[in-house]
């Protein structure tokens, strides 16, 4: 359902074009080597981590509210989906934490400017 949307976000963003073109040909373990490469600008790396963290957040929320096929209208937790989409991917969990830290920092800075 949401795959085309995420594909569009990741692949059509001008800052991410080079990173994701290269990533298509690499395995996940090498992802951070590419992103930390000097050829990749800081903004590209930052945007990738933020988008991945937001994607992870969405998948986490989806896994908490699956419709039970045996009881229409009733929502259940789907641990299998969570593990496939989030839990078995430490890099995604790391990016989720990164987004959380960025939001906390933004809220803190906003509070300081309002005082």
N, C-alpha and C. Protein backbone atom coordinates (compact mmCIF):
# COMPACT_ATOMS: atom_id res chain seq x y z
N UNK A 1 0.82 -1.19 0.00
CA UNK A 1 0.00 0.00 0.00
C UNK A 1 0.87 1.26 0.00
N UNK A 2 1.70 1.42 0.99
CA UNK A 2 2.48 2.64 1.12
C UNK A 2 3.81 2.60 0.40
N UNK A 3 4.19 1.45 -0.13
CA UNK A 3 5.50 1.32 -0.76
C UNK A 3 5.75 2.35 -1.87
N UNK A 4 4.79 2.61 -2.76
CA UNK A 4 5.05 3.62 -3.79
C UNK A 4 5.30 5.01 -3.22
N UNK A 5 4.63 5.33 -2.12
CA UNK A 5 4.83 6.63 -1.50
C UNK A 5 6.25 6.74 -0.96
N UNK A 6 6.71 5.73 -0.22
CA UNK A 6 8.06 5.77 0.33
C UNK A 6 9.10 5.73 -0.78
N UNK A 7 8.84 4.97 -1.84
CA UNK A 7 9.78 4.93 -2.97
C UNK A 7 9.91 6.33 -3.56
N UNK A 8 8.80 7.01 -3.72
CA UNK A 8 8.82 8.36 -4.25
C UNK A 8 9.60 9.31 -3.34
N UNK A 9 9.36 9.21 -2.05
CA UNK A 9 10.05 10.08 -1.09
C UNK A 9 11.55 9.85 -1.14
N UNK A 10 11.96 8.58 -1.13
CA UNK A 10 13.39 8.27 -1.13
C UNK A 10 14.07 8.55 -2.47
N UNK A 11 13.43 8.18 -3.57
CA UNK A 11 14.12 8.22 -4.85
C UNK A 11 13.92 9.51 -5.63
N UNK A 12 12.87 10.26 -5.40
CA UNK A 12 12.63 11.45 -6.19
C UNK A 12 13.14 12.72 -5.52
N UNK A 13 13.65 12.61 -4.32
CA UNK A 13 14.19 13.77 -3.64
C UNK A 13 15.57 14.07 -4.22
N UNK A 14 15.79 15.28 -4.67
CA UNK A 14 17.04 15.61 -5.37
C UNK A 14 18.27 15.41 -4.49
N UNK A 15 18.16 15.61 -3.19
CA UNK A 15 19.32 15.41 -2.32
C UNK A 15 19.69 13.95 -2.18
N UNK A 16 18.72 13.06 -2.38
CA UNK A 16 18.97 11.65 -2.15
C UNK A 16 19.25 10.86 -3.42
N UNK A 17 19.13 11.47 -4.59
CA UNK A 17 19.28 10.74 -5.84
C UNK A 17 20.57 9.94 -5.90
N UNK A 18 21.71 10.57 -5.68
CA UNK A 18 22.99 9.89 -5.79
C UNK A 18 23.13 8.79 -4.75
N UNK A 19 22.74 9.07 -3.52
CA UNK A 19 22.87 8.09 -2.45
C UNK A 19 22.07 6.84 -2.76
N UNK A 20 20.80 6.99 -3.17
CA UNK A 20 19.97 5.82 -3.37
C UNK A 20 20.26 5.11 -4.68
N UNK A 21 20.76 5.81 -5.68
CA UNK A 21 21.19 5.13 -6.90
C UNK A 21 22.32 4.17 -6.55
N UNK A 22 23.27 4.65 -5.74
CA UNK A 22 24.38 3.80 -5.33
C UNK A 22 23.93 2.70 -4.37
N UNK A 23 22.98 3.00 -3.49
CA UNK A 23 22.53 2.02 -2.50
C UNK A 23 21.82 0.83 -3.14
N UNK A 24 21.18 1.05 -4.28
CA UNK A 24 20.47 -0.05 -4.94
C UNK A 24 21.41 -1.20 -5.27
N UNK A 25 22.68 -0.89 -5.43
CA UNK A 25 23.66 -1.90 -5.82
C UNK A 25 24.48 -2.41 -4.64
N UNK A 26 24.11 -2.07 -3.44
CA UNK A 26 24.89 -2.47 -2.26
C UNK A 26 24.01 -3.19 -1.26
N UNK A 27 24.63 -3.93 -0.37
CA UNK A 27 23.86 -4.59 0.69
C UNK A 27 23.73 -3.66 1.87
N UNK A 28 22.77 -3.94 2.75
CA UNK A 28 22.48 -3.04 3.87
C UNK A 28 23.69 -2.79 4.76
N UNK A 29 24.55 -3.78 4.95
CA UNK A 29 25.69 -3.61 5.86
C UNK A 29 26.64 -2.52 5.37
N UNK A 30 26.64 -2.25 4.07
CA UNK A 30 27.55 -1.24 3.54
C UNK A 30 26.91 0.14 3.45
N UNK A 31 25.66 0.24 3.81
CA UNK A 31 24.91 1.49 3.67
C UNK A 31 25.60 2.65 4.38
N UNK A 32 26.01 2.43 5.61
CA UNK A 32 26.58 3.55 6.36
C UNK A 32 27.95 3.94 5.85
N UNK A 33 28.69 2.99 5.27
CA UNK A 33 29.97 3.35 4.66
C UNK A 33 29.74 4.35 3.54
N UNK A 34 28.69 4.11 2.74
CA UNK A 34 28.39 5.03 1.64
C UNK A 34 27.91 6.37 2.17
N UNK A 35 27.03 6.34 3.15
CA UNK A 35 26.48 7.59 3.67
C UNK A 35 27.52 8.43 4.40
N UNK A 36 28.52 7.78 4.99
CA UNK A 36 29.54 8.51 5.71
C UNK A 36 30.71 8.90 4.81
N UNK A 37 30.64 8.55 3.54
CA UNK A 37 31.67 8.86 2.57
C UNK A 37 31.80 10.37 2.42
N UNK A 38 33.01 10.85 2.23
CA UNK A 38 33.24 12.28 2.09
C UNK A 38 32.51 12.86 0.88
N UNK A 39 32.23 12.02 -0.14
CA UNK A 39 31.53 12.50 -1.33
C UNK A 39 30.07 12.83 -1.02
N UNK A 40 29.53 12.25 0.04
CA UNK A 40 28.14 12.47 0.41
C UNK A 40 28.09 13.63 1.39
N UNK A 41 27.32 14.66 1.04
CA UNK A 41 27.29 15.85 1.89
C UNK A 41 26.53 15.59 3.19
N UNK A 42 26.78 16.40 4.17
CA UNK A 42 26.15 16.27 5.48
C UNK A 42 24.63 16.37 5.37
N UNK A 43 24.13 17.26 4.54
CA UNK A 43 22.69 17.43 4.39
C UNK A 43 22.03 16.16 3.85
N UNK A 44 22.70 15.50 2.91
CA UNK A 44 22.17 14.26 2.35
C UNK A 44 22.09 13.19 3.42
N UNK A 45 23.15 13.05 4.18
CA UNK A 45 23.18 12.05 5.25
C UNK A 45 22.12 12.34 6.29
N UNK A 46 22.00 13.58 6.70
CA UNK A 46 21.01 14.00 7.68
C UNK A 46 19.60 13.71 7.19
N UNK A 47 19.31 14.09 5.95
CA UNK A 47 17.99 13.86 5.39
C UNK A 47 17.67 12.37 5.30
N UNK A 48 18.65 11.56 4.91
CA UNK A 48 18.43 10.12 4.84
C UNK A 48 18.06 9.57 6.21
N UNK A 49 18.81 9.92 7.23
CA UNK A 49 18.55 9.41 8.58
C UNK A 49 17.17 9.87 9.09
N UNK A 50 16.81 11.12 8.80
CA UNK A 50 15.49 11.61 9.21
C UNK A 50 14.37 10.87 8.48
N UNK A 51 14.49 10.70 7.17
CA UNK A 51 13.45 10.01 6.41
C UNK A 51 13.34 8.55 6.84
N UNK A 52 14.46 7.90 7.05
CA UNK A 52 14.44 6.51 7.49
C UNK A 52 13.80 6.39 8.87
N UNK A 53 14.10 7.34 9.76
CA UNK A 53 13.50 7.32 11.09
C UNK A 53 12.00 7.54 11.05
N UNK A 54 11.55 8.45 10.18
CA UNK A 54 10.11 8.67 10.03
C UNK A 54 9.43 7.44 9.44
N UNK A 55 10.07 6.81 8.47
CA UNK A 55 9.54 5.59 7.86
C UNK A 55 9.43 4.49 8.93
N UNK A 56 10.43 4.39 9.77
CA UNK A 56 10.42 3.41 10.86
C UNK A 56 9.30 3.70 11.84
N UNK A 57 9.08 4.96 12.15
CA UNK A 57 7.99 5.34 13.04
C UNK A 57 6.64 4.92 12.47
N UNK A 58 6.44 5.19 11.19
CA UNK A 58 5.18 4.81 10.54
C UNK A 58 5.00 3.29 10.61
N UNK A 59 6.04 2.53 10.29
CA UNK A 59 5.94 1.06 10.33
C UNK A 59 5.67 0.55 11.75
N UNK A 60 6.24 1.21 12.74
CA UNK A 60 5.98 0.83 14.12
C UNK A 60 4.51 1.03 14.47
N UNK A 61 3.96 2.17 14.07
CA UNK A 61 2.55 2.43 14.34
C UNK A 61 1.64 1.47 13.57
N UNK A 62 2.01 1.15 12.35
CA UNK A 62 1.22 0.20 11.57
C UNK A 62 1.20 -1.16 12.26
N UNK A 63 2.34 -1.58 12.78
CA UNK A 63 2.41 -2.90 13.43
C UNK A 63 1.56 -2.97 14.69
N UNK A 64 1.26 -1.83 15.29
CA UNK A 64 0.44 -1.79 16.50
C UNK A 64 -1.06 -1.80 16.22
N UNK A 65 -1.44 -1.61 14.96
CA UNK A 65 -2.87 -1.47 14.66
C UNK A 65 -3.27 -2.24 13.41
N UNK A 66 -2.97 -3.52 13.38
CA UNK A 66 -3.41 -4.38 12.28
C UNK A 66 -4.84 -4.81 12.53
N UNK A 67 -5.63 -4.84 11.48
CA UNK A 67 -7.00 -5.32 11.63
C UNK A 67 -6.98 -6.84 11.70
N UNK A 68 -7.64 -7.37 12.71
CA UNK A 68 -7.73 -8.82 12.91
C UNK A 68 -8.64 -9.41 11.84
N UNK A 69 -8.09 -10.31 11.01
CA UNK A 69 -8.88 -10.88 9.91
C UNK A 69 -10.01 -11.78 10.41
N UNK A 70 -9.87 -12.29 11.65
CA UNK A 70 -10.93 -13.15 12.19
C UNK A 70 -12.03 -12.34 12.87
N UNK A 71 -11.72 -11.10 13.24
CA UNK A 71 -12.69 -10.22 13.90
C UNK A 71 -12.64 -8.84 13.24
N UNK A 72 -13.35 -8.66 12.12
CA UNK A 72 -13.30 -7.37 11.41
C UNK A 72 -13.60 -6.18 12.34
N UNK A 73 -12.81 -5.15 12.17
CA UNK A 73 -12.98 -3.95 12.98
C UNK A 73 -12.16 -3.94 14.25
N UNK A 74 -11.62 -5.10 14.63
CA UNK A 74 -10.79 -5.18 15.85
C UNK A 74 -9.32 -5.09 15.47
N UNK A 75 -8.59 -4.26 16.19
CA UNK A 75 -7.17 -4.06 15.91
C UNK A 75 -6.30 -4.91 16.84
N UNK A 76 -5.23 -5.45 16.28
CA UNK A 76 -4.30 -6.27 17.06
C UNK A 76 -2.87 -5.82 16.76
N UNK A 77 -1.94 -6.20 17.62
CA UNK A 77 -0.51 -5.98 17.37
C UNK A 77 -0.01 -7.08 16.44
N UNK A 78 0.83 -6.71 15.49
CA UNK A 78 1.40 -7.69 14.57
C UNK A 78 2.91 -7.72 14.77
N UNK A 79 3.35 -8.62 15.63
CA UNK A 79 4.76 -8.71 15.98
C UNK A 79 5.60 -9.15 14.78
N UNK A 80 5.06 -10.02 13.94
CA UNK A 80 5.80 -10.49 12.77
C UNK A 80 6.11 -9.32 11.84
N UNK A 81 5.10 -8.49 11.59
CA UNK A 81 5.32 -7.32 10.73
C UNK A 81 6.34 -6.37 11.38
N UNK A 82 6.21 -6.16 12.68
CA UNK A 82 7.15 -5.27 13.37
C UNK A 82 8.58 -5.76 13.21
N UNK A 83 8.80 -7.05 13.41
CA UNK A 83 10.16 -7.59 13.30
C UNK A 83 10.69 -7.47 11.87
N UNK A 84 9.84 -7.75 10.89
CA UNK A 84 10.26 -7.67 9.49
C UNK A 84 10.57 -6.23 9.07
N UNK A 85 9.76 -5.31 9.53
CA UNK A 85 9.89 -3.92 9.08
C UNK A 85 10.81 -3.07 9.95
N UNK A 86 10.94 -3.44 11.23
CA UNK A 86 11.68 -2.58 12.16
C UNK A 86 12.66 -3.35 13.03
N UNK A 87 12.15 -4.26 13.84
CA UNK A 87 12.92 -4.90 14.90
C UNK A 87 14.16 -5.64 14.47
N UNK A 88 14.15 -6.22 13.27
CA UNK A 88 15.32 -6.97 12.80
C UNK A 88 16.32 -6.08 12.06
N UNK A 89 16.15 -4.78 12.15
CA UNK A 89 17.00 -3.84 11.42
C UNK A 89 17.54 -2.77 12.38
N UNK A 90 18.69 -3.03 13.00
CA UNK A 90 19.24 -2.07 13.97
C UNK A 90 19.45 -0.67 13.40
N UNK A 91 19.76 -0.56 12.11
CA UNK A 91 19.96 0.76 11.51
C UNK A 91 18.66 1.55 11.50
N UNK A 92 17.52 0.88 11.31
CA UNK A 92 16.24 1.57 11.31
C UNK A 92 15.88 2.03 12.73
N UNK A 93 16.17 1.20 13.70
CA UNK A 93 15.91 1.58 15.10
C UNK A 93 16.79 2.78 15.47
N UNK A 94 18.03 2.75 15.03
CA UNK A 94 18.95 3.86 15.27
C UNK A 94 18.40 5.16 14.66
N UNK A 95 17.85 5.07 13.45
CA UNK A 95 17.31 6.26 12.80
C UNK A 95 16.02 6.73 13.47
N UNK A 96 15.24 5.80 14.02
CA UNK A 96 14.05 6.18 14.78
C UNK A 96 14.47 6.98 16.02
N UNK A 97 15.50 6.52 16.70
CA UNK A 97 16.03 7.25 17.86
C UNK A 97 16.52 8.63 17.43
N UNK A 98 17.18 8.70 16.27
CA UNK A 98 17.70 9.97 15.76
C UNK A 98 16.56 10.97 15.56
N UNK A 99 15.44 10.52 14.97
CA UNK A 99 14.29 11.41 14.76
C UNK A 99 13.74 11.87 16.10
N UNK A 100 13.63 10.94 17.06
CA UNK A 100 13.13 11.29 18.39
C UNK A 100 14.03 12.36 19.02
N UNK A 101 15.35 12.16 18.94
CA UNK A 101 16.28 13.13 19.50
C UNK A 101 16.17 14.48 18.81
N UNK A 102 15.97 14.48 17.49
CA UNK A 102 15.83 15.73 16.74
C UNK A 102 14.56 16.48 17.15
N UNK A 103 13.48 15.74 17.35
CA UNK A 103 12.22 16.37 17.76
C UNK A 103 12.35 16.95 19.17
N UNK A 104 12.96 16.20 20.07
CA UNK A 104 13.15 16.69 21.44
C UNK A 104 14.01 17.96 21.42
N UNK A 105 15.06 17.95 20.62
CA UNK A 105 15.93 19.12 20.51
C UNK A 105 15.17 20.31 19.95
N UNK A 106 14.35 20.09 18.92
CA UNK A 106 13.57 21.17 18.31
C UNK A 106 12.58 21.76 19.30
N UNK A 107 11.90 20.90 20.06
CA UNK A 107 10.94 21.37 21.05
C UNK A 107 11.65 22.16 22.14
N UNK A 108 12.80 21.68 22.58
CA UNK A 108 13.58 22.37 23.60
C UNK A 108 14.01 23.76 23.12
N UNK A 109 14.48 23.82 21.89
CA UNK A 109 14.91 25.13 21.33
C UNK A 109 13.72 26.07 21.18
N UNK A 110 12.59 25.52 20.78
CA UNK A 110 11.39 26.35 20.63
C UNK A 110 10.95 26.90 21.98
N UNK A 111 10.98 26.07 23.02
CA UNK A 111 10.61 26.53 24.35
C UNK A 111 11.54 27.63 24.84
N UNK A 112 12.83 27.50 24.53
CA UNK A 112 13.80 28.49 24.97
C UNK A 112 13.57 29.84 24.28
N UNK A 113 13.13 29.81 23.03
CA UNK A 113 12.90 31.06 22.31
C UNK A 113 11.60 31.73 22.77
N UNK A 114 10.67 30.96 23.30
CA UNK A 114 9.41 31.52 23.75
C UNK A 114 9.49 32.13 25.14
N UNK A 115 10.52 31.77 25.87
CA UNK A 115 10.64 32.26 27.26
C UNK A 115 11.26 33.62 27.29
